[in-house]
Amino acid sequence: MSTVKHILEVNNLSVSYGVVPALRGISFTVDEGEIIALIGPNGAGKTTTMHTISGLLKPKEGNIIYDGKEIGGIEAHKLVREGISQVPEGRGIFPILTVAENIDLGAYLRKDKEEIQKDREWVYSLFPRLEERKNQVGGTLSGGEQQMLAIARALMARPKMLLLDEPSMGLAPIIVEDIFKIIKQINRERNTTILLVEQNAQMALTASNRAYIVEVGQIVNEGKSADLKKDDQIQKSYLGL
């Protein structure tokens, strides 16, 4: 009988900005092939959690186990080699480079040219608009197109785990629906594990398998996303019902 593997284990993680605590001993797991959502209000610690996992911040206490290895405090660029790619809040594309150049930069650590070409074709199939605009400078794209470009670039590293920080931020509802459909498609087609930080709780709970509710640097609730959507308190606090 096969057992599900934890690709990520966060244990008793605490992080501070100077003397101000941002995370207060949070613990959670992500199984291989899952989409996991972290939801909660502004300032809850969601992005801090993401930045600590991806190596942009160092833990004060606790540990982070990824694919069986301790990664807490390892620099972000080294974690890309291990199979972690992050799409940051605010997209972070290179605005003076073309769409094609941005996408190719995602594969900068790779040498397998034939496989890179296959992945390039795959991300263009996910985001046909990017192929139409591949010679256009990134900074002239719409907000939705820039979000697509940021995701496409991250996928070119062929990650085992994709970290998505607020992918719906500032986008029109119809574009948000498109982005979340593609997120589910990436998970389904490549079995890519996805950790999603998102303020749009309705979309996050619809797309994910499980979710953790973060408030004031602590996890206050967790469960299957379908169950959390039916929870009265979650509906009142996060879903506007």
C-alpha atoms as a PDB file:
ATOM      1  CA  MET A   1       0.000   0.000   0.000  1.00  0.00           C
ATOM      2  CA  SER A   2       1.532   3.308  -1.086  1.00  0.00           C
ATOM      3  CA  THR A   3       1.836   6.134   1.404  1.00  0.00           C
ATOM      4  CA  VAL A   4       1.501   9.812   0.578  1.00  0.00           C
ATOM      5  CA  LYS A   5       4.778  11.674   0.947  1.00  0.00           C
ATOM      6  CA  HIS A   6       5.100  15.012   2.713  1.00  0.00           C
ATOM      7  CA  ILE A   7       7.096  17.129   0.267  1.00  0.00           C
ATOM      8  CA  LEU A   8       7.105  19.975   2.806  1.00  0.00           C
ATOM      9  CA  GLU A   9       6.991  19.986   6.610  1.00  0.00           C
ATOM     10  CA  VAL A  10       7.012  23.259   8.525  1.00  0.00           C
ATOM     11  CA  ASN A  11       7.605  22.662  12.236  1.00  0.00           C
ATOM     12  CA  ASN A  12       7.144  25.264  14.984  1.00  0.00           C
ATOM     13  CA  LEU A  13       8.341  28.075  12.702  1.00  0.00           C
ATOM     14  CA  SER A  14       8.919  31.494  14.237  1.00  0.00           C
ATOM     15  CA  VAL A  15      10.149  34.542  12.332  1.00  0.00           C
ATOM     16  CA  SER A  16      10.673  38.121  13.498  1.00  0.00           C
ATOM     17  CA  TYR A  17      11.341  41.460  11.855  1.00  0.00           C
ATOM     18  CA  GLY A  18      13.788  42.850  14.393  1.00  0.00           C
ATOM     19  CA  VAL A  19      12.001  42.518  17.727  1.00  0.00           C
ATOM     20  CA  VAL A  20       8.545  42.288  16.131  1.00  0.00           C
ATOM     21  CA  PRO A  21       7.295  38.689  15.819  1.00  0.00           C
ATOM     22  CA  ALA A  22       5.717  37.860  12.445  1.00  0.00           C
ATOM     23  CA  LEU A  23       5.256  34.097  12.821  1.00  0.00           C
ATOM     24  CA  ARG A  24       4.627  32.448  16.180  1.00  0.00           C
ATOM     25  CA  GLY A  25       5.366  28.738  15.999  1.00  0.00           C
ATOM     26  CA  ILE A  26       3.344  27.653  12.975  1.00  0.00           C
ATOM     27  CA  SER A  27       3.353  24.051  11.779  1.00  0.00           C
ATOM     28  CA  PHE A  28       1.832  22.514   8.665  1.00  0.00           C
ATOM     29  CA  THR A  29       2.477  19.918   5.973  1.00  0.00           C
ATOM     30  CA  VAL A  30       2.128  19.795   2.201  1.00  0.00           C
ATOM     31  CA  ASP A  31       1.786  16.430   0.484  1.00  0.00           C
ATOM     32  CA  GLU A  32       3.267  15.677  -2.909  1.00  0.00           C
ATOM     33  CA  GLY A  33       0.861  16.686  -5.670  1.00  0.00           C
ATOM     34  CA  GLU A  34      -1.430  18.765  -3.450  1.00  0.00           C
ATOM     35  CA  ILE A  35      -2.619  22.335  -3.833  1.00  0.00           C
ATOM     36  CA  ILE A  36      -2.494  23.901  -0.365  1.00  0.00           C
ATOM     37  CA  ALA A  37      -3.858  27.371   0.409  1.00  0.00           C
ATOM     38  CA  LEU A  38      -2.807  29.749   3.162  1.00  0.00           C
ATOM     39  CA  ILE A  39      -5.562  32.274   3.709  1.00  0.00           C
ATOM     40  CA  GLY A  40      -6.065  35.045   6.228  1.00  0.00           C
ATOM     41  CA  PRO A  41      -6.234  38.822   6.618  1.00  0.00           C
ATOM     42  CA  ASN A  42      -3.547  41.336   5.637  1.00  0.00           C
ATOM     43  CA  GLY A  43      -0.559  41.185   7.972  1.00  0.00           C
ATOM     44  CA  ALA A  44      -1.388  37.680   9.188  1.00  0.00           C
ATOM     45  CA  GLY A  45       2.019  36.267   8.214  1.00  0.00           C
ATOM     46  CA  LYS A  46       1.159  34.477   4.973  1.00  0.00           C
ATOM     47  CA  THR A  47       3.799  36.153   2.794  1.00  0.00           C
ATOM     48  CA  THR A  48       6.340  35.895   5.613  1.00  0.00           C
ATOM     49  CA  THR A  49       5.711  32.144   5.645  1.00  0.00           C
ATOM     50  CA  MET A  50       6.236  31.968   1.893  1.00  0.00           C
ATOM     51  CA  HIS A  51       9.422  34.063   2.000  1.00  0.00           C
ATOM     52  CA  THR A  52      10.882  31.909   4.780  1.00  0.00           C
ATOM     53  CA  ILE A  53      10.203  28.689   2.864  1.00  0.00           C
ATOM     54  CA  SER A  54      11.758  30.136  -0.308  1.00  0.00           C
ATOM     55  CA  GLY A  55      14.903  31.358   1.493  1.00  0.00           C
ATOM     56  CA  LEU A  56      14.261  35.106   1.427  1.00  0.00           C
ATOM     57  CA  LEU A  57      13.937  35.190   5.236  1.00  0.00           C
ATOM     58  CA  LYS A  58      15.660  33.176   7.951  1.00  0.00           C
ATOM     59  CA  PRO A  59      13.748  31.394  10.715  1.00  0.00           C
ATOM     60  CA  LYS A  60      14.214  32.477  14.325  1.00  0.00           C
ATOM     61  CA  GLU A  61      13.052  29.073  15.568  1.00  0.00           C
ATOM     62  CA  GLY A  62      11.722  25.858  14.092  1.00  0.00           C
ATOM     63  CA  ASN A  63      12.610  24.048  10.916  1.00  0.00           C
ATOM     64  CA  ILE A  64      11.505  23.539   7.330  1.00  0.00           C
ATOM     65  CA  ILE A  65      11.889  20.101   5.756  1.00  0.00           C
ATOM     66  CA  TYR A  66      11.571  19.948   1.970  1.00  0.00           C
ATOM     67  CA  ASP A  67      11.846  16.624   0.149  1.00  0.00           C
ATOM     68  CA  GLY A  68      13.470  15.119   3.253  1.00  0.00           C
ATOM     69  CA  LYS A  69      16.082  17.884   3.697  1.00  0.00           C
ATOM     70  CA  GLU A  70      16.322  20.772   6.162  1.00  0.00           C
ATOM     71  CA  ILE A  71      16.192  23.983   4.110  1.00  0.00           C
ATOM     72  CA  GLY A  72      15.602  26.685   6.738  1.00  0.00           C
ATOM     73  CA  GLY A  73      17.986  29.577   6.042  1.00  0.00           C
ATOM     74  CA  ILE A  74      19.280  28.231   2.709  1.00  0.00           C
ATOM     75  CA  GLU A  75      19.585  31.012   0.110  1.00  0.00           C
ATOM     76  CA  ALA A  76      16.752  31.353  -2.368  1.00  0.00           C
ATOM     77  CA  HIS A  77      18.791  30.762  -5.537  1.00  0.00           C
ATOM     78  CA  LYS A  78      20.083  27.457  -4.145  1.00  0.00           C
ATOM     79  CA  LEU A  79      16.527  26.280  -3.485  1.00  0.00           C
ATOM     80  CA  VAL A  80      15.653  26.725  -7.169  1.00  0.00           C
ATOM     81  CA  ARG A  81      18.147  23.915  -7.863  1.00  0.00           C
ATOM     82  CA  GLU A  82      16.272  21.781  -5.335  1.00  0.00           C
ATOM     83  CA  GLY A  83      12.986  22.245  -7.186  1.00  0.00           C
ATOM     84  CA  ILE A  84      11.311  25.226  -5.484  1.00  0.00           C
ATOM     85  CA  SER A  85      10.131  28.145  -7.626  1.00  0.00           C
ATOM     86  CA  GLN A  86       8.325  31.203  -6.274  1.00  0.00           C
ATOM     87  CA  VAL A  87       6.021  33.600  -8.090  1.00  0.00           C
ATOM     88  CA  PRO A  88       6.300  36.660  -5.852  1.00  0.00           C
ATOM     89  CA  GLU A  89       3.573  39.057  -4.840  1.00  0.00           C
ATOM     90  CA  GLY A  90       3.614  41.872  -7.395  1.00  0.00           C
ATOM     91  CA  ARG A  91       4.856  39.494 -10.158  1.00  0.00           C
ATOM     92  CA  GLY A  92       8.480  40.674 -10.295  1.00  0.00           C
ATOM     93  CA  ILE A  93       8.966  40.340 -14.041  1.00  0.00           C
ATOM     94  CA  PHE A  94      11.858  42.051 -15.837  1.00  0.00           C
ATOM     95  CA  PRO A  95      10.010  44.996 -17.434  1.00  0.00           C
ATOM     96  CA  ILE A  96      12.643  45.948 -20.010  1.00  0.00           C
ATOM     97  CA  LEU A  97      13.047  42.393 -21.340  1.00  0.00           C
ATOM     98  CA  THR A  98      10.702  40.782 -23.847  1.00  0.00           C
ATOM     99  CA  VAL A  99       8.191  38.110 -22.892  1.00  0.00           C
ATOM    100  CA  ALA A 100      10.397  35.453 -24.522  1.00  0.00           C
ATOM    101  CA  GLU A 101      13.492  36.658 -22.657  1.00  0.00           C
ATOM    102  CA  ASN A 102      11.632  36.637 -19.324  1.00  0.00           C
ATOM    103  CA  ILE A 103      10.463  33.075 -19.955  1.00  0.00           C
ATOM    104  CA  ASP A 104      13.927  31.863 -20.961  1.00  0.00           C
ATOM    105  CA  LEU A 105      15.435  33.342 -17.789  1.00  0.00           C
ATOM    106  CA  GLY A 106      13.331  30.859 -15.824  1.00  0.00           C
ATOM    107  CA  ALA A 107      15.452  28.063 -17.279  1.00  0.00           C
ATOM    108  CA  TYR A 108      18.815  29.707 -16.538  1.00  0.00           C
ATOM    109  CA  LEU A 109      20.015  26.786 -14.399  1.00  0.00           C
ATOM    110  CA  ARG A 110      19.160  24.164 -16.999  1.00  0.00           C
ATOM    111  CA  LYS A 111      21.281  22.757 -19.829  1.00  0.00           C
ATOM    112  CA  ASP A 112      18.809  20.264 -21.378  1.00  0.00           C
ATOM    113  CA  LYS A 113      17.986  22.249 -24.515  1.00  0.00           C
ATOM    114  CA  GLU A 114      15.452  19.819 -25.978  1.00  0.00           C
ATOM    115  CA  GLU A 115      13.512  19.615 -22.713  1.00  0.00           C
ATOM    116  CA  ILE A 116      13.679  23.400 -22.300  1.00  0.00           C
ATOM    117  CA  GLN A 117      12.091  23.745 -25.738  1.00  0.00           C
ATOM    118  CA  LYS A 118       9.321  21.317 -24.739  1.00  0.00           C
ATOM    119  CA  ASP A 119       8.654  23.330 -21.577  1.00  0.00           C
ATOM    120  CA  ARG A 120       8.676  26.568 -23.580  1.00  0.00           C
ATOM    121  CA  GLU A 121       6.019  25.111 -25.885  1.00  0.00           C
ATOM    122  CA  TRP A 122       4.044  23.899 -22.859  1.00  0.00           C
ATOM    123  CA  VAL A 123       3.953  27.288 -21.108  1.00  0.00           C
ATOM    124  CA  TYR A 124       2.904  28.932 -24.373  1.00  0.00           C
ATOM    125  CA  SER A 125       0.080  26.360 -24.617  1.00  0.00           C
ATOM    126  CA  LEU A 126      -0.978  27.329 -21.085  1.00  0.00           C
ATOM    127  CA  PHE A 127      -0.751  31.035 -21.885  1.00  0.00           C
ATOM    128  CA  PRO A 128      -1.440  31.585 -25.613  1.00  0.00           C
ATOM    129  CA  ARG A 129      -1.491  35.350 -25.087  1.00  0.00           C
ATOM    130  CA  LEU A 130       2.174  35.231 -24.109  1.00  0.00           C
ATOM    131  CA  GLU A 131       3.079  33.502 -27.362  1.00  0.00           C
ATOM    132  CA  GLU A 132       1.207  36.221 -29.265  1.00  0.00           C
ATOM    133  CA  ARG A 133       3.225  38.837 -27.361  1.00  0.00           C
ATOM    134  CA  LYS A 134       6.559  37.017 -27.068  1.00  0.00           C
ATOM    135  CA  ASN A 135       8.490  39.861 -28.717  1.00  0.00           C
ATOM    136  CA  GLN A 136       6.722  42.528 -26.652  1.00  0.00           C
ATOM    137  CA  VAL A 137       8.526  44.173 -23.709  1.00  0.00           C
ATOM    138  CA  GLY A 138       7.247  42.769 -20.408  1.00  0.00           C
ATOM    139  CA  GLY A 139       6.561  46.143 -18.821  1.00  0.00           C
ATOM    140  CA  THR A 140       3.961  46.968 -21.481  1.00  0.00           C
ATOM    141  CA  LEU A 141       1.774  43.939 -20.704  1.00  0.00           C
ATOM    142  CA  SER A 142      -1.483  44.210 -18.780  1.00  0.00           C
ATOM    143  CA  GLY A 143      -1.546  43.155 -15.120  1.00  0.00           C
ATOM    144  CA  GLY A 144      -3.093  39.809 -15.967  1.00  0.00           C
ATOM    145  CA  GLU A 145      -0.544  39.139 -18.702  1.00  0.00           C
ATOM    146  CA  GLN A 146       2.302  40.022 -16.339  1.00  0.00           C
ATOM    147  CA  GLN A 147       0.920  37.523 -13.801  1.00  0.00           C
ATOM    148  CA  MET A 148       0.813  34.877 -16.518  1.00  0.00           C
ATOM    149  CA  LEU A 149       4.387  35.732 -17.458  1.00  0.00           C
ATOM    150  CA  ALA A 150       5.586  35.426 -13.858  1.00  0.00           C
ATOM    151  CA  ILE A 151       4.007  31.976 -13.572  1.00  0.00           C
ATOM    152  CA  ALA A 152       5.382  30.885 -16.954  1.00  0.00           C
ATOM    153  CA  ARG A 153       8.892  31.984 -15.983  1.00  0.00           C
ATOM    154  CA  ALA A 154       8.720  30.022 -12.713  1.00  0.00           C
ATOM    155  CA  LEU A 155       7.531  26.908 -14.542  1.00  0.00           C
ATOM    156  CA  MET A 156      10.588  26.994 -16.827  1.00  0.00           C
ATOM    157  CA  ALA A 157      12.692  25.855 -13.868  1.00  0.00           C
ATOM    158  CA  ARG A 158      10.526  22.693 -13.880  1.00  0.00           C
ATOM    159  CA  PRO A 159       9.768  22.931 -10.141  1.00  0.00           C
ATOM    160  CA  LYS A 160       8.561  20.103  -7.928  1.00  0.00           C
ATOM    161  CA  MET A 161       6.886  22.743  -5.762  1.00  0.00           C
ATOM    162  CA  LEU A 162       5.512  26.068  -6.965  1.00  0.00           C
ATOM    163  CA  LEU A 163       4.960  28.889  -4.470  1.00  0.00           C
ATOM    164  CA  LEU A 164       2.309  31.396  -5.577  1.00  0.00           C
ATOM    165  CA  ASP A 165       1.996  34.611  -3.576  1.00  0.00           C
ATOM    166  CA  GLU A 166      -1.283  36.495  -4.178  1.00  0.00           C
ATOM    167  CA  PRO A 167      -1.744  35.551  -7.858  1.00  0.00           C
ATOM    168  CA  SER A 168      -5.130  37.318  -8.022  1.00  0.00           C
ATOM    169  CA  MET A 169      -3.941  40.659  -6.626  1.00  0.00           C
ATOM    170  CA  GLY A 170      -5.147  43.635  -8.671  1.00  0.00           C
ATOM    171  CA  LEU A 171      -6.721  41.549 -11.421  1.00  0.00           C
ATOM    172  CA  ALA A 172     -10.214  41.684 -12.890  1.00  0.00           C
ATOM    173  CA  PRO A 173     -12.507  38.808 -11.800  1.00  0.00           C
ATOM    174  CA  ILE A 174     -12.577  37.174 -15.245  1.00  0.00           C
ATOM    175  CA  ILE A 175      -8.743  37.143 -15.367  1.00  0.00           C
ATOM    176  CA  VAL A 176      -8.642  35.707 -11.829  1.00  0.00           C
ATOM    177  CA  GLU A 177     -10.844  32.817 -12.984  1.00  0.00           C
ATOM    178  CA  ASP A 178      -8.492  32.151 -15.909  1.00  0.00           C
ATOM    179  CA  ILE A 179      -5.419  32.191 -13.651  1.00  0.00           C
ATOM    180  CA  PHE A 180      -6.950  29.722 -11.206  1.00  0.00           C
ATOM    181  CA  LYS A 181      -8.044  27.370 -13.983  1.00  0.00           C
ATOM    182  CA  ILE A 182      -4.440  27.336 -15.198  1.00  0.00           C
ATOM    183  CA  ILE A 183      -3.118  26.758 -11.670  1.00  0.00           C
ATOM    184  CA  LYS A 184      -5.291  23.634 -11.445  1.00  0.00           C
ATOM    185  CA  GLN A 185      -4.164  22.573 -14.925  1.00  0.00           C
ATOM    186  CA  ILE A 186      -0.467  22.878 -13.950  1.00  0.00           C
ATOM    187  CA  ASN A 187      -1.110  20.720 -10.893  1.00  0.00           C
ATOM    188  CA  ARG A 188      -3.058  18.154 -12.920  1.00  0.00           C
ATOM    189  CA  GLU A 189      -0.752  17.897 -15.949  1.00  0.00           C
ATOM    190  CA  ARG A 190       2.610  17.916 -14.167  1.00  0.00           C
ATOM    191  CA  ASN A 191       1.605  16.797 -10.645  1.00  0.00           C
ATOM    192  CA  THR A 192       3.312  19.993  -9.479  1.00  0.00           C
ATOM    193  CA  THR A 193       2.793  20.609  -5.778  1.00  0.00           C
ATOM    194  CA  ILE A 194       1.450  24.130  -5.222  1.00  0.00           C
ATOM    195  CA  LEU A 195       1.503  26.260  -2.078  1.00  0.00           C
ATOM    196  CA  LEU A 196      -0.813  29.201  -2.571  1.00  0.00           C
ATOM    197  CA  VAL A 197      -1.052  32.404  -0.521  1.00  0.00           C
ATOM    198  CA  GLU A 198      -4.251  34.194  -1.427  1.00  0.00           C
ATOM    199  CA  GLN A 199      -6.592  36.836  -0.017  1.00  0.00           C
ATOM    200  CA  ASN A 200      -9.393  35.773  -2.363  1.00  0.00           C
ATOM    201  CA  ALA A 201     -10.494  33.004  -0.007  1.00  0.00           C
ATOM    202  CA  GLN A 202     -13.354  31.858  -2.244  1.00  0.00           C
ATOM    203  CA  MET A 203     -11.030  31.161  -5.180  1.00  0.00           C
ATOM    204  CA  ALA A 204      -8.321  29.702  -2.954  1.00  0.00           C
ATOM    205  CA  LEU A 205     -10.701  27.236  -1.285  1.00  0.00           C
ATOM    206  CA  THR A 206     -12.233  26.281  -4.628  1.00  0.00           C
ATOM    207  CA  ALA A 207      -8.830  25.530  -6.199  1.00  0.00           C
ATOM    208  CA  SER A 208      -7.064  23.836  -3.275  1.00  0.00           C
ATOM    209  CA  ASN A 209      -7.240  20.407  -1.647  1.00  0.00           C
ATOM    210  CA  ARG A 210      -6.612  21.664   1.875  1.00  0.00           C
ATOM    211  CA  ALA A 211      -6.169  25.043   3.532  1.00  0.00           C
ATOM    212  CA  TYR A 212      -4.717  26.640   6.631  1.00  0.00           C
ATOM    213  CA  ILE A 213      -6.156  29.826   8.142  1.00  0.00           C
ATOM    214  CA  VAL A 214      -3.431  32.191   9.376  1.00  0.00           C
ATOM    215  CA  GLU A 215      -4.117  35.025  11.831  1.00  0.00           C
ATOM    216  CA  VAL A 216      -1.554  37.103  13.746  1.00  0.00           C
ATOM    217  CA  GLY A 217       1.295  34.745  12.846  1.00  0.00           C
ATOM    218  CA  GLN A 218      -0.501  31.589  13.965  1.00  0.00           C
ATOM    219  CA  ILE A 219      -2.580  28.880  12.324  1.00  0.00           C
ATOM    220  CA  VAL A 220      -6.073  29.098  13.815  1.00  0.00           C
ATOM    221  CA  ASN A 221      -7.918  26.583  11.633  1.00  0.00           C
ATOM    222  CA  GLU A 222      -7.178  23.955   9.017  1.00  0.00           C
ATOM    223  CA  GLY A 223      -8.900  21.256   7.037  1.00  0.00           C
ATOM    224  CA  LYS A 224     -10.110  20.095   3.664  1.00  0.00           C
ATOM    225  CA  SER A 225     -10.978  23.115   1.573  1.00  0.00           C
ATOM    226  CA  ALA A 226     -14.448  21.795   0.739  1.00  0.00           C
ATOM    227  CA  ASP A 227     -15.215  21.473   4.469  1.00  0.00           C
ATOM    228  CA  LEU A 228     -13.844  24.918   5.314  1.00  0.00           C
ATOM    229  CA  LYS A 229     -16.084  26.487   2.647  1.00  0.00           C
ATOM    230  CA  LYS A 230     -19.111  25.145   4.545  1.00  0.00           C
ATOM    231  CA  ASP A 231     -17.891  26.354   7.963  1.00  0.00           C
ATOM    232  CA  ASP A 232     -20.111  29.156   9.302  1.00  0.00           C
ATOM    233  CA  GLN A 233     -17.243  31.110  10.849  1.00  0.00           C
ATOM    234  CA  ILE A 234     -15.116  30.858   7.695  1.00  0.00           C
ATOM    235  CA  GLN A 235     -18.073  31.987   5.605  1.00  0.00           C
ATOM    236  CA  LYS A 236     -18.632  35.029   7.807  1.00  0.00           C
ATOM    237  CA  SER A 237     -14.975  35.979   8.234  1.00  0.00           C
ATOM    238  CA  TYR A 238     -13.530  35.253   4.786  1.00  0.00           C
ATOM    239  CA  LEU A 239     -16.218  34.476   2.222  1.00  0.00           C
ATOM    240  CA  GLY A 240     -18.560  37.397   2.853  1.00  0.00           C
ATOM    241  CA  LEU A 241     -21.565  35.104   3.332  1.00  0.00           C
END
